[in-house]
C-alpha atoms as a PDB file:
ATOM      1  CA  UNK A   1      25.796  55.198 128.287  1.00  0.00           C
ATOM      2  CA  UNK A   2      24.737  58.692 129.661  1.00  0.00           C
ATOM      3  CA  UNK A   3      24.249  58.682 132.849  1.00  0.00           C
ATOM      4  CA  UNK A   4      24.832  61.536 134.573  1.00  0.00           C
ATOM      5  CA  UNK A   5      23.552  62.004 137.976  1.00  0.00           C
ATOM      6  CA  UNK A   6      23.722  59.642 140.804  1.00  0.00           C
ATOM      7  CA  UNK A   7      25.123  57.264 138.904  1.00  0.00           C
ATOM      8  CA  UNK A   8      28.191  59.439 137.915  1.00  0.00           C
ATOM      9  CA  UNK A   9      28.977  59.983 142.043  1.00  0.00           C
ATOM     10  CA  UNK A  10      29.642  56.243 142.778  1.00  0.00           C
ATOM     11  CA  UNK A  11      32.636  56.840 144.390  1.00  0.00           C
ATOM     12  CA  UNK A  12      33.155  52.799 144.466  1.00  0.00           C
ATOM     13  CA  UNK A  13      33.261  52.470 140.859  1.00  0.00           C
ATOM     14  CA  UNK A  14      36.590  51.467 139.388  1.00  0.00           C
ATOM     15  CA  UNK A  15      38.769  53.129 136.725  1.00  0.00           C
ATOM     16  CA  UNK A  16      39.454  50.703 134.115  1.00  0.00           C
ATOM     17  CA  UNK A  17      42.962  50.106 132.766  1.00  0.00           C
ATOM     18  CA  UNK A  18      43.638  51.793 129.287  1.00  0.00           C
ATOM     19  CA  UNK A  19      45.717  54.726 129.796  1.00  0.00           C
ATOM     20  CA  UNK A  20      46.602  56.869 126.174  1.00  0.00           C
ATOM     21  CA  UNK A  21      49.366  59.455 126.081  1.00  0.00           C
ATOM     22  CA  UNK A  22      49.559  62.483 124.188  1.00  0.00           C
ATOM     23  CA  UNK A  23      47.619  65.030 122.930  1.00  0.00           C
ATOM     24  CA  UNK A  24      46.298  64.409 119.673  1.00  0.00           C
ATOM     25  CA  UNK A  25      48.661  61.379 118.430  1.00  0.00           C
ATOM     26  CA  UNK A  26      46.967  58.589 121.171  1.00  0.00           C
ATOM     27  CA  UNK A  27      49.894  56.442 121.712  1.00  0.00           C
ATOM     28  CA  UNK A  28      49.566  54.242 124.755  1.00  0.00           C
ATOM     29  CA  UNK A  29      51.947  53.575 126.914  1.00  0.00           C
ATOM     30  CA  UNK A  30      54.738  55.940 129.172  1.00  0.00           C
ATOM     31  CA  UNK A  31      53.598  59.377 128.664  1.00  0.00           C
ATOM     32  CA  UNK A  32      56.128  61.774 125.858  1.00  0.00           C
ATOM     33  CA  UNK A  33      55.771  64.966 126.756  1.00  0.00           C
ATOM     34  CA  UNK A  34      54.286  67.406 123.707  1.00  0.00           C
ATOM     35  CA  UNK A  35      55.206  70.428 125.320  1.00  0.00           C
ATOM     36  CA  UNK A  36      58.012  73.266 124.190  1.00  0.00           C
ATOM     37  CA  UNK A  37      60.988  74.046 126.427  1.00  0.00           C
ATOM     38  CA  UNK A  38      60.108  77.593 126.329  1.00  0.00           C
ATOM     39  CA  UNK A  39      56.255  77.255 126.719  1.00  0.00           C
ATOM     40  CA  UNK A  40      54.954  79.450 129.686  1.00  0.00           C
ATOM     41  CA  UNK A  41      51.802  78.678 131.031  1.00  0.00           C
ATOM     42  CA  UNK A  42      48.886  80.712 131.447  1.00  0.00           C
ATOM     43  CA  UNK A  43      48.434  80.078 134.637  1.00  0.00           C
ATOM     44  CA  UNK A  44      49.978  78.605 137.668  1.00  0.00           C
ATOM     45  CA  UNK A  45      48.697  75.248 139.665  1.00  0.00           C
ATOM     46  CA  UNK A  46      49.528  71.643 140.431  1.00  0.00           C
ATOM     47  CA  UNK A  47      48.843  68.504 138.905  1.00  0.00           C
ATOM     48  CA  UNK A  48      49.149  65.028 139.726  1.00  0.00           C
ATOM     49  CA  UNK A  49      52.215  64.745 137.904  1.00  0.00           C
ATOM     50  CA  UNK A  50      54.097  67.085 136.731  1.00  0.00           C
ATOM     51  CA  UNK A  51      54.198  68.293 133.276  1.00  0.00           C
ATOM     52  CA  UNK A  52      50.536  66.435 132.993  1.00  0.00           C
ATOM     53  CA  UNK A  53      46.943  67.020 133.106  1.00  0.00           C
ATOM     54  CA  UNK A  54      45.604  63.376 133.759  1.00  0.00           C
ATOM     55  CA  UNK A  55      42.180  63.013 132.383  1.00  0.00           C
ATOM     56  CA  UNK A  56      39.268  60.680 133.045  1.00  0.00           C
ATOM     57  CA  UNK A  57      37.642  60.151 129.942  1.00  0.00           C
ATOM     58  CA  UNK A  58      34.124  57.339 128.987  1.00  0.00           C
ATOM     59  CA  UNK A  59      33.350  56.319 125.887  1.00  0.00           C
ATOM     60  CA  UNK A  60      30.951  58.766 124.817  1.00  0.00           C
ATOM     61  CA  UNK A  61      31.059  60.468 121.416  1.00  0.00           C
ATOM     62  CA  UNK A  62      30.592  63.045 119.965  1.00  0.00           C
ATOM     63  CA  UNK A  63      32.041  64.127 123.540  1.00  0.00           C
ATOM     64  CA  UNK A  64      35.105  61.508 123.801  1.00  0.00           C
ATOM     65  CA  UNK A  65      36.359  58.892 122.289  1.00  0.00           C
ATOM     66  CA  UNK A  66      39.879  56.634 123.102  1.00  0.00           C
ATOM     67  CA  UNK A  67      38.616  54.091 120.640  1.00  0.00           C
ATOM     68  CA  UNK A  68      41.381  52.487 118.647  1.00  0.00           C
ATOM     69  CA  UNK A  69      43.861  54.490 121.229  1.00  0.00           C
ATOM     70  CA  UNK A  70      43.333  57.712 119.627  1.00  0.00           C
ATOM     71  CA  UNK A  71      42.253  60.762 122.137  1.00  0.00           C
ATOM     72  CA  UNK A  72      38.948  62.292 119.680  1.00  0.00           C
ATOM     73  CA  UNK A  73      35.564  64.087 120.381  1.00  0.00           C
ATOM     74  CA  UNK A  74      34.530  67.852 121.496  1.00  0.00           C
ATOM     75  CA  UNK A  75      35.563  67.612 125.140  1.00  0.00           C
ATOM     76  CA  UNK A  76      38.413  66.000 123.590  1.00  0.00           C
ATOM     77  CA  UNK A  77      39.661  69.013 121.503  1.00  0.00           C
ATOM     78  CA  UNK A  78      38.399  71.434 124.464  1.00  0.00           C
ATOM     79  CA  UNK A  79      40.449  69.847 126.842  1.00  0.00           C
ATOM     80  CA  UNK A  80      43.889  69.715 124.705  1.00  0.00           C
ATOM     81  CA  UNK A  81      43.451  73.522 124.133  1.00  0.00           C
ATOM     82  CA  UNK A  82      43.669  73.994 127.550  1.00  0.00           C
ATOM     83  CA  UNK A  83      46.256  71.647 127.842  1.00  0.00           C
ATOM     84  CA  UNK A  84      48.550  73.525 125.414  1.00  0.00           C
ATOM     85  CA  UNK A  85      47.311  77.061 126.977  1.00  0.00           C
ATOM     86  CA  UNK A  86      49.124  75.751 130.200  1.00  0.00           C
ATOM     87  CA  UNK A  87      52.214  73.949 128.843  1.00  0.00           C
ATOM     88  CA  UNK A  88      50.693  70.077 129.876  1.00  0.00           C
ATOM     89  CA  UNK A  89      50.502  67.233 128.063  1.00  0.00           C
ATOM     90  CA  UNK A  90      47.472  65.203 128.343  1.00  0.00           C
ATOM     91  CA  UNK A  91      47.495  61.591 129.694  1.00  0.00           C
ATOM     92  CA  UNK A  92      44.054  60.089 129.175  1.00  0.00           C
ATOM     93  CA  UNK A  93      42.703  57.213 131.651  1.00  0.00           C
ATOM     94  CA  UNK A  94      39.555  55.460 130.057  1.00  0.00           C
ATOM     95  CA  UNK A  95      37.030  54.856 132.408  1.00  0.00           C
ATOM     96  CA  UNK A  96      33.031  53.731 132.253  1.00  0.00           C
ATOM     97  CA  UNK A  97      30.972  56.591 132.201  1.00  0.00           C
ATOM     98  CA  UNK A  98      30.448  56.188 136.070  1.00  0.00           C
ATOM     99  CA  UNK A  99      33.898  56.132 137.137  1.00  0.00           C
ATOM    100  CA  UNK A 100      34.668  59.448 135.745  1.00  0.00           C
ATOM    101  CA  UNK A 101      33.975  61.736 138.759  1.00  0.00           C
ATOM    102  CA  UNK A 102      35.201  58.976 141.013  1.00  0.00           C
ATOM    103  CA  UNK A 103      38.515  58.693 139.574  1.00  0.00           C
ATOM    104  CA  UNK A 104      38.221  62.662 139.996  1.00  0.00           C
ATOM    105  CA  UNK A 105      37.199  62.533 143.383  1.00  0.00           C
ATOM    106  CA  UNK A 106      39.837  59.798 144.366  1.00  0.00           C
ATOM    107  CA  UNK A 107      42.709  62.039 143.338  1.00  0.00           C
ATOM    108  CA  UNK A 108      43.720  59.164 140.340  1.00  0.00           C
ATOM    109  CA  UNK A 109      42.859  62.157 138.011  1.00  0.00           C
ATOM    110  CA  UNK A 110      42.828  65.720 137.829  1.00  0.00           C
ATOM    111  CA  UNK A 111      39.851  66.262 135.842  1.00  0.00           C
ATOM    112  CA  UNK A 112      37.145  64.168 133.905  1.00  0.00           C
ATOM    113  CA  UNK A 113      35.591  64.859 130.431  1.00  0.00           C
ATOM    114  CA  UNK A 114      32.421  63.610 129.062  1.00  0.00           C
ATOM    115  CA  UNK A 115      29.721  65.831 128.635  1.00  0.00           C
ATOM    116  CA  UNK A 116      29.018  65.734 132.436  1.00  0.00           C
ATOM    117  CA  UNK A 117      26.684  68.192 133.867  1.00  0.00           C
ATOM    118  CA  UNK A 118      26.677  70.684 136.419  1.00  0.00           C
ATOM    119  CA  UNK A 119      24.259  69.760 139.065  1.00  0.00           C
ATOM    120  CA  UNK A 120      24.540  70.230 142.754  1.00  0.00           C
ATOM    121  CA  UNK A 121      25.035  66.626 143.805  1.00  0.00           C
ATOM    122  CA  UNK A 122      28.028  66.470 141.460  1.00  0.00           C
ATOM    123  CA  UNK A 123      29.365  69.847 143.240  1.00  0.00           C
ATOM    124  CA  UNK A 124      29.634  67.879 146.351  1.00  0.00           C
ATOM    125  CA  UNK A 125      31.993  65.544 145.681  1.00  0.00           C
ATOM    126  CA  UNK A 126      33.986  67.590 143.229  1.00  0.00           C
ATOM    127  CA  UNK A 127      34.671  70.731 141.659  1.00  0.00           C
ATOM    128  CA  UNK A 128      32.984  72.003 138.347  1.00  0.00           C
ATOM    129  CA  UNK A 129      34.321  74.473 136.077  1.00  0.00           C
ATOM    130  CA  UNK A 130      32.044  77.473 134.646  1.00  0.00           C
ATOM    131  CA  UNK A 131      30.190  76.288 131.945  1.00  0.00           C
ATOM    132  CA  UNK A 132      31.626  75.342 128.944  1.00  0.00           C
ATOM    133  CA  UNK A 133      28.012  74.824 127.039  1.00  0.00           C
ATOM    134  CA  UNK A 134      24.655  73.912 126.997  1.00  0.00           C
ATOM    135  CA  UNK A 135      23.051  70.147 126.702  1.00  0.00           C
ATOM    136  CA  UNK A 136      19.529  70.728 125.751  1.00  0.00           C
ATOM    137  CA  UNK A 137      16.943  68.210 125.328  1.00  0.00           C
ATOM    138  CA  UNK A 138      17.122  66.769 121.689  1.00  0.00           C
ATOM    139  CA  UNK A 139      14.396  65.616 119.878  1.00  0.00           C
ATOM    140  CA  UNK A 140      14.839  62.702 116.816  1.00  0.00           C
ATOM    141  CA  UNK A 141      12.127  62.825 114.336  1.00  0.00           C
ATOM    142  CA  UNK A 142      11.019  62.194 111.134  1.00  0.00           C
ATOM    143  CA  UNK A 143       9.263  65.606 111.011  1.00  0.00           C
ATOM    144  CA  UNK A 144      11.580  67.879 112.940  1.00  0.00           C
ATOM    145  CA  UNK A 145       9.015  68.376 115.952  1.00  0.00           C
ATOM    146  CA  UNK A 146      10.281  70.491 118.358  1.00  0.00           C
ATOM    147  CA  UNK A 147       6.578  70.969 120.221  1.00  0.00           C
ATOM    148  CA  UNK A 148       6.537  68.574 123.385  1.00  0.00           C
ATOM    149  CA  UNK A 149       2.950  68.237 123.836  1.00  0.00           C
ATOM    150  CA  UNK A 150       2.863  67.053 120.220  1.00  0.00           C
ATOM    151  CA  UNK A 151       5.978  64.675 121.199  1.00  0.00           C
ATOM    152  CA  UNK A 152       3.404  63.279 123.971  1.00  0.00           C
ATOM    153  CA  UNK A 153       0.980  62.133 121.737  1.00  0.00           C
ATOM    154  CA  UNK A 154       3.206  59.796 119.707  1.00  0.00           C
ATOM    155  CA  UNK A 155       5.289  56.730 120.645  1.00  0.00           C
ATOM    156  CA  UNK A 156       8.313  57.972 122.893  1.00  0.00           C
ATOM    157  CA  UNK A 157      11.686  56.545 124.149  1.00  0.00           C
ATOM    158  CA  UNK A 158      14.960  58.351 125.475  1.00  0.00           C
ATOM    159  CA  UNK A 159      17.848  57.128 127.514  1.00  0.00           C
ATOM    160  CA  UNK A 160      18.048  56.639 131.091  1.00  0.00           C
ATOM    161  CA  UNK A 161      19.611  58.728 133.361  1.00  0.00           C
ATOM    162  CA  UNK A 162      18.733  62.171 131.674  1.00  0.00           C
ATOM    163  CA  UNK A 163      17.617  65.224 133.770  1.00  0.00           C
ATOM    164  CA  UNK A 164      13.837  64.967 131.735  1.00  0.00           C
ATOM    165  CA  UNK A 165      13.393  61.308 132.750  1.00  0.00           C
ATOM    166  CA  UNK A 166      11.413  62.016 135.782  1.00  0.00           C
ATOM    167  CA  UNK A 167       9.246  65.047 134.195  1.00  0.00           C
ATOM    168  CA  UNK A 168       8.966  62.374 131.159  1.00  0.00           C
ATOM    169  CA  UNK A 169       7.020  59.697 133.394  1.00  0.00           C
ATOM    170  CA  UNK A 170       5.003  61.852 135.098  1.00  0.00           C
ATOM    171  CA  UNK A 171       3.523  62.662 131.590  1.00  0.00           C
ATOM    172  CA  UNK A 172       3.728  59.508 129.976  1.00  0.00           C
ATOM    173  CA  UNK A 173       3.619  56.682 132.398  1.00  0.00           C
ATOM    174  CA  UNK A 174       3.960  52.984 130.999  1.00  0.00           C
ATOM    175  CA  UNK A 175       4.056  54.557 127.661  1.00  0.00           C
ATOM    176  CA  UNK A 176       7.637  55.807 127.980  1.00  0.00           C
ATOM    177  CA  UNK A 177      10.158  53.913 127.001  1.00  0.00           C
ATOM    178  CA  UNK A 178      13.308  54.127 128.875  1.00  0.00           C
ATOM    179  CA  UNK A 179      16.691  52.800 127.198  1.00  0.00           C
ATOM    180  CA  UNK A 180      20.188  51.783 128.849  1.00  0.00           C
ATOM    181  CA  UNK A 181      21.657  53.248 125.848  1.00  0.00           C
ATOM    182  CA  UNK A 182      21.259  55.062 122.967  1.00  0.00           C
ATOM    183  CA  UNK A 183      22.212  51.999 120.535  1.00  0.00           C
ATOM    184  CA  UNK A 184      19.550  50.184 122.085  1.00  0.00           C
ATOM    185  CA  UNK A 185      16.973  53.231 121.311  1.00  0.00           C
ATOM    186  CA  UNK A 186      18.069  53.838 117.812  1.00  0.00           C
ATOM    187  CA  UNK A 187      17.241  50.287 117.026  1.00  0.00           C
ATOM    188  CA  UNK A 188      13.567  50.750 118.092  1.00  0.00           C
ATOM    189  CA  UNK A 189      13.509  54.231 116.034  1.00  0.00           C
ATOM    190  CA  UNK A 190      14.705  52.366 112.912  1.00  0.00           C
ATOM    191  CA  UNK A 191      12.515  49.438 113.525  1.00  0.00           C
ATOM    192  CA  UNK A 192       9.347  51.623 113.809  1.00  0.00           C
ATOM    193  CA  UNK A 193       8.866  50.399 117.548  1.00  0.00           C
ATOM    194  CA  UNK A 194       9.384  54.094 118.642  1.00  0.00           C
ATOM    195  CA  UNK A 195       8.139  57.070 116.474  1.00  0.00           C
ATOM    196  CA  UNK A 196      10.630  59.803 118.524  1.00  0.00           C
ATOM    197  CA  UNK A 197      14.027  59.315 120.396  1.00  0.00           C
ATOM    198  CA  UNK A 198      14.763  61.898 122.985  1.00  0.00           C
ATOM    199  CA  UNK A 199      18.632  62.423 123.924  1.00  0.00           C
ATOM    200  CA  UNK A 200      21.020  65.342 124.270  1.00  0.00           C
ATOM    201  CA  UNK A 201      21.565  67.504 121.261  1.00  0.00           C
ATOM    202  CA  UNK A 202      25.264  66.954 120.129  1.00  0.00           C
ATOM    203  CA  UNK A 203      24.813  63.015 120.951  1.00  0.00           C
ATOM    204  CA  UNK A 204      21.106  62.819 119.328  1.00  0.00           C
ATOM    205  CA  UNK A 205      23.301  64.540 116.076  1.00  0.00           C
ATOM    206  CA  UNK A 206      26.224  62.301 115.914  1.00  0.00           C
ATOM    207  CA  UNK A 207      24.192  59.357 116.456  1.00  0.00           C
ATOM    208  CA  UNK A 208      21.230  60.479 113.551  1.00  0.00           C
ATOM    209  CA  UNK A 209      24.851  61.062 111.322  1.00  0.00           C
ATOM    210  CA  UNK A 210      25.797  57.262 112.195  1.00  0.00           C
ATOM    211  CA  UNK A 211      22.452  55.752 111.597  1.00  0.00           C
ATOM    212  CA  UNK A 212      21.833  56.898 108.511  1.00  0.00           C
ATOM    213  CA  UNK A 213      18.090  57.793 106.957  1.00  0.00           C
ATOM    214  CA  UNK A 214      16.533  60.904 106.936  1.00  0.00           C
ATOM    215  CA  UNK A 215      15.908  61.589 110.331  1.00  0.00           C
ATOM    216  CA  UNK A 216      16.074  65.100 112.052  1.00  0.00           C
ATOM    217  CA  UNK A 217      17.205  66.671 115.406  1.00  0.00           C
ATOM    218  CA  UNK A 218      15.787  69.515 116.935  1.00  0.00           C
ATOM    219  CA  UNK A 219      16.101  71.185 120.554  1.00  0.00           C
ATOM    220  CA  UNK A 220      12.679  70.639 122.427  1.00  0.00           C
ATOM    221  CA  UNK A 221      10.403  74.109 122.764  1.00  0.00           C
ATOM    222  CA  UNK A 222      10.503  75.458 126.492  1.00  0.00           C
ATOM    223  CA  UNK A 223       7.607  73.219 128.115  1.00  0.00           C
ATOM    224  CA  UNK A 224       7.193  74.265 131.739  1.00  0.00           C
ATOM    225  CA  UNK A 225       5.788  70.468 132.895  1.00  0.00           C
ATOM    226  CA  UNK A 226       9.479  69.395 131.643  1.00  0.00           C
ATOM    227  CA  UNK A 227      12.083  71.218 133.441  1.00  0.00           C
ATOM    228  CA  UNK A 228      14.812  70.392 131.716  1.00  0.00           C
ATOM    229  CA  UNK A 229      13.127  71.842 128.088  1.00  0.00           C
ATOM    230  CA  UNK A 230      13.227  75.246 130.253  1.00  0.00           C
ATOM    231  CA  UNK A 231      16.640  74.999 131.362  1.00  0.00           C
ATOM    232  CA  UNK A 232      18.776  73.284 130.054  1.00  0.00           C
ATOM    233  CA  UNK A 233      22.001  71.619 131.733  1.00  0.00           C
ATOM    234  CA  UNK A 234      25.198  73.087 131.465  1.00  0.00           C
ATOM    235  CA  UNK A 235      28.791  71.147 131.221  1.00  0.00           C
ATOM    236  CA  UNK A 236      32.031  71.792 132.784  1.00  0.00           C
ATOM    237  CA  UNK A 237      34.551  70.136 133.663  1.00  0.00           C
ATOM    238  CA  UNK A 238      35.333  67.940 136.859  1.00  0.00           C
ATOM    239  CA  UNK A 239      38.237  68.790 138.594  1.00  0.00           C
ATOM    240  CA  UNK A 240      39.375  67.708 142.056  1.00  0.00           C
ATOM    241  CA  UNK A 241      37.935  69.737 144.493  1.00  0.00           C
ATOM    242  CA  UNK A 242      40.660  70.913 147.063  1.00  0.00           C
ATOM    243  CA  UNK A 243      42.529  71.819 143.959  1.00  0.00           C
ATOM    244  CA  UNK A 244      40.995  75.596 143.694  1.00  0.00           C
ATOM    245  CA  UNK A 245      44.083  76.814 141.800  1.00  0.00           C
ATOM    246  CA  UNK A 246      43.369  73.817 138.820  1.00  0.00           C
ATOM    247  CA  UNK A 247      39.470  75.145 139.408  1.00  0.00           C
ATOM    248  CA  UNK A 248      40.581  78.944 138.556  1.00  0.00           C
ATOM    249  CA  UNK A 249      42.709  78.370 135.851  1.00  0.00           C
ATOM    250  CA  UNK A 250      40.054  76.008 133.733  1.00  0.00           C
ATOM    251  CA  UNK A 251      37.779  78.790 134.358  1.00  0.00           C
ATOM    252  CA  UNK A 252      40.430  81.863 133.060  1.00  0.00           C
ATOM    253  CA  UNK A 253      40.807  79.456 129.995  1.00  0.00           C
ATOM    254  CA  UNK A 254      37.777  78.171 129.151  1.00  0.00           C
ATOM    255  CA  UNK A 255      37.381  82.138 128.922  1.00  0.00           C
ATOM    256  CA  UNK A 256      39.663  82.933 126.724  1.00  0.00           C
ATOM    257  CA  UNK A 257      38.587  80.053 124.347  1.00  0.00           C
ATOM    258  CA  UNK A 258      35.463  81.222 124.118  1.00  0.00           C
ATOM    259  CA  UNK A 259      36.341  84.915 123.509  1.00  0.00           C
ATOM    260  CA  UNK A 260      38.576  83.801 120.633  1.00  0.00           C
ATOM    261  CA  UNK A 261      36.132  81.547 119.080  1.00  0.00           C
ATOM    262  CA  UNK A 262      37.861  78.497 119.972  1.00  0.00           C
ATOM    263  CA  UNK A 263      34.824  76.810 121.407  1.00  0.00           C
ATOM    264  CA  UNK A 264      32.721  77.118 118.938  1.00  0.00           C
ATOM    265  CA  UNK A 265      34.708  76.045 115.986  1.00  0.00           C
ATOM    266  CA  UNK A 266      35.032  73.331 118.133  1.00  0.00           C
ATOM    267  CA  UNK A 267      31.673  72.417 117.819  1.00  0.00           C
ATOM    268  CA  UNK A 268      31.757  73.296 114.047  1.00  0.00           C
ATOM    269  CA  UNK A 269      34.695  70.725 113.786  1.00  0.00           C
ATOM    270  CA  UNK A 270      32.690  68.338 115.382  1.00  0.00           C
ATOM    271  CA  UNK A 271      29.433  68.877 112.992  1.00  0.00           C
ATOM    272  CA  UNK A 272      27.411  70.327 116.225  1.00  0.00           C
ATOM    273  CA  UNK A 273      25.167  73.676 116.773  1.00  0.00           C
ATOM    274  CA  UNK A 274      27.820  76.146 117.691  1.00  0.00           C
ATOM    275  CA  UNK A 275      25.516  77.990 119.452  1.00  0.00           C
ATOM    276  CA  UNK A 276      25.512  75.567 122.319  1.00  0.00           C
ATOM    277  CA  UNK A 277      28.522  77.463 123.329  1.00  0.00           C
ATOM    278  CA  UNK A 278      26.790  80.462 123.851  1.00  0.00           C
ATOM    279  CA  UNK A 279      26.503  80.716 127.854  1.00  0.00           C
ATOM    280  CA  UNK A 280      26.045  83.712 129.925  1.00  0.00           C
ATOM    281  CA  UNK A 281      25.453  82.873 133.462  1.00  0.00           C
ATOM    282  CA  UNK A 282      26.781  79.444 135.126  1.00  0.00           C
ATOM    283  CA  UNK A 283      24.319  77.834 137.150  1.00  0.00           C
ATOM    284  CA  UNK A 284      24.143  74.145 139.065  1.00  0.00           C
ATOM    285  CA  UNK A 285      21.016  72.547 138.243  1.00  0.00           C
ATOM    286  CA  UNK A 286      19.211  70.765 141.157  1.00  0.00           C
ATOM    287  CA  UNK A 287      19.818  66.868 141.492  1.00  0.00           C
END
């Protein structure tokens, strides 16, 4: 479900059919403007459709979800706030996770949301905004363990596609269980087939709240052999690479939302650790 690297770069991936128009109403069909006639945008740039910000969004809670025809999630709230600042009506195009970056690259959408990491390979095909938040290595356990050497003595599972998978494989070999989705990983956690699950911090916290039980979610302590624990991924907004004015606007708007506390409040509203929004310097991870 969280394929962030090569699978997010497959330009041939198709954009699927559901189109959602509007900021929070989640109505489907033709877009109806929610912008006041006297609205003054914070920045000047062009979009694919005049007055509309077209957004590729996968089903990936707690970051983005279009379930039931309503757009919701951490990234949805952020992009809605940006659209409001720029006097634009959000219009969501539902995609598979691997289809969002190709949708932006091909010019079918202006931006994408859904916890997309700022990586060197991704930056080759799309523009990437400055970091909105960090997405650390989350550990799911019964005892709240944070120490990776301790984790390595247990039965461990993780979701494929994350930046730490290769390093974990180097440490654990065939003992590491790798899942196509966190749904499968949680099934094995609940059955006791694995003792520890590893997912992104926000995704792990969301799944723990949905699965019940007494699972604890912690952020992994830095451990040099696992690079993602030392230098966690940062999340930005992919945008059409040639639209530099849009990228500049996104950066300015993200800075404004951080300065006025909106970013932190969005994380609080979604029961995600607001300290993840405390980003000092943006960087790209090698991939």
